[in-house]
Amino acid sequence: MVLGAGEAGFREGSGRWAVDEVGNQSTDYCPDVSSWPAVAGALDQARVVRPSGFTHEVLFRRCPSCRQLNIVREEDFVRVFCDEALPQGWNADRPGP
């Protein structure tokens, strides 16, 4: 089971690695923003300095009608192509088309 996924930008300073930027944008897994504790735990275990949360959060939702994955932009929970309301809660783990 994948607990977190996304992108991270690293830098080295004073002989130690640190994360400058980290986000949950991963189109293969579409993790919810609530996956931060898993990401933080992995970075802590690797002894990498990290921010206190995602520096770039992406909200993924699956359309209940057409079953396509969507990125919610500007808190507009509506599927652009079929005009269907998207759920407030994360549902990207449900089967697609």
Protein backbone atom coordinates (compact mmCIF):
# COMPACT_ATOMS: atom_id res chain seq x y z
CA MET A 1 0.00 0.00 0.00
CA VAL A 2 1.32 3.43 -0.94
CA LEU A 3 1.03 5.83 2.00
CA GLY A 4 2.28 8.95 0.23
CA ALA A 5 3.62 10.08 -3.13
CA GLY A 6 4.56 13.29 -4.84
CA GLU A 7 7.49 15.52 -5.67
CA ALA A 8 10.21 16.98 -3.47
CA GLY A 9 13.02 19.46 -4.01
CA PHE A 10 16.16 18.85 -1.95
CA ARG A 11 19.14 21.03 -1.06
CA GLU A 12 22.31 20.42 0.87
CA GLY A 13 23.43 22.85 3.50
CA SER A 14 25.99 22.56 6.27
CA GLY A 15 26.63 18.94 5.29
CA ARG A 16 23.00 17.96 5.78
CA TRP A 17 20.13 17.35 3.35
CA ALA A 18 16.91 19.33 3.59
CA VAL A 19 13.65 19.50 1.67
CA ASP A 20 12.89 22.95 0.25
CA GLU A 21 9.62 22.06 -1.43
CA VAL A 22 7.36 19.03 -1.17
CA GLY A 23 3.96 18.33 -2.67
CA ASN A 24 1.50 15.50 -3.08
CA GLN A 25 1.10 15.84 -6.85
CA SER A 26 1.40 12.34 -8.25
CA THR A 27 -0.92 11.39 -11.08
CA ASP A 28 -0.24 7.69 -10.58
CA TYR A 29 -1.36 7.59 -6.94
CA CYS A 30 -3.32 10.84 -6.41
CA PRO A 31 -2.66 10.93 -2.65
CA ASP A 32 -4.80 13.05 -0.38
CA VAL A 33 -3.30 15.97 1.54
CA SER A 34 -3.87 13.87 4.67
CA SER A 35 -0.90 11.74 3.55
CA TRP A 36 1.50 14.31 5.05
CA PRO A 37 2.22 12.30 8.24
CA ALA A 38 3.49 9.37 6.14
CA VAL A 39 5.72 11.68 4.08
CA ALA A 40 6.98 13.46 7.20
CA GLY A 41 7.70 10.11 8.88
CA ALA A 42 9.75 8.90 5.92
CA LEU A 43 11.77 12.14 5.83
CA ASP A 44 12.29 12.01 9.60
CA GLN A 45 13.46 8.41 9.40
CA ALA A 46 15.94 9.44 6.70
CA ARG A 47 17.02 12.36 8.93
CA VAL A 48 16.19 14.93 6.28
CA VAL A 49 15.20 18.40 7.47
CA ARG A 50 11.69 19.13 6.25
CA PRO A 51 8.93 21.75 6.31
CA SER A 52 5.99 21.34 8.68
CA GLY A 53 3.64 20.36 5.87
CA PHE A 54 3.26 20.18 2.11
CA THR A 55 4.49 23.37 0.47
CA HIS A 56 2.28 22.57 -2.54
CA GLU A 57 -1.02 20.75 -1.95
CA VAL A 58 -3.13 19.25 -4.72
CA LEU A 59 -6.72 18.10 -4.17
CA PHE A 60 -7.64 15.04 -6.25
CA ARG A 61 -11.23 13.92 -6.70
CA ARG A 62 -12.89 11.30 -8.88
CA CYS A 63 -16.07 12.37 -10.66
CA PRO A 64 -18.97 10.21 -9.47
CA SER A 65 -20.58 10.32 -12.95
CA CYS A 66 -17.81 9.92 -15.52
CA ARG A 67 -15.27 8.36 -13.06
CA GLN A 68 -12.41 10.55 -14.35
CA LEU A 69 -9.75 11.90 -11.99
CA ASN A 70 -9.69 15.66 -11.44
CA ILE A 71 -7.54 18.25 -9.79
CA VAL A 72 -9.68 20.69 -7.81
CA ARG A 73 -8.60 24.25 -8.57
CA GLU A 74 -9.50 27.32 -6.55
CA GLU A 75 -11.87 25.27 -4.37
CA ASP A 76 -14.22 24.76 -7.33
CA PHE A 77 -15.52 21.21 -6.77
CA VAL A 78 -17.07 20.83 -10.24
CA ARG A 79 -15.88 18.58 -13.09
CA VAL A 80 -15.10 20.88 -16.01
CA PHE A 81 -16.12 18.50 -18.81
CA CYS A 82 -19.38 17.04 -17.48
CA ASP A 83 -20.33 19.81 -15.01
CA GLU A 84 -20.85 17.24 -12.23
CA ALA A 85 -20.32 18.23 -8.59
CA LEU A 86 -17.20 16.64 -7.10
CA PRO A 87 -17.24 15.27 -3.55
CA GLN A 88 -15.64 17.30 -0.77
CA GLY A 89 -13.86 14.21 0.59
CA TRP A 90 -11.00 12.38 -1.12
CA ASN A 91 -12.21 9.51 -3.30
CA ALA A 92 -9.40 9.00 -5.80
CA ASP A 93 -8.83 5.45 -4.59
CA ARG A 94 -12.12 4.28 -6.10
CA PRO A 95 -12.04 2.50 -9.46
CA GLY A 96 -11.95 4.56 -12.62
CA PRO A 97 -13.52 3.89 -16.01
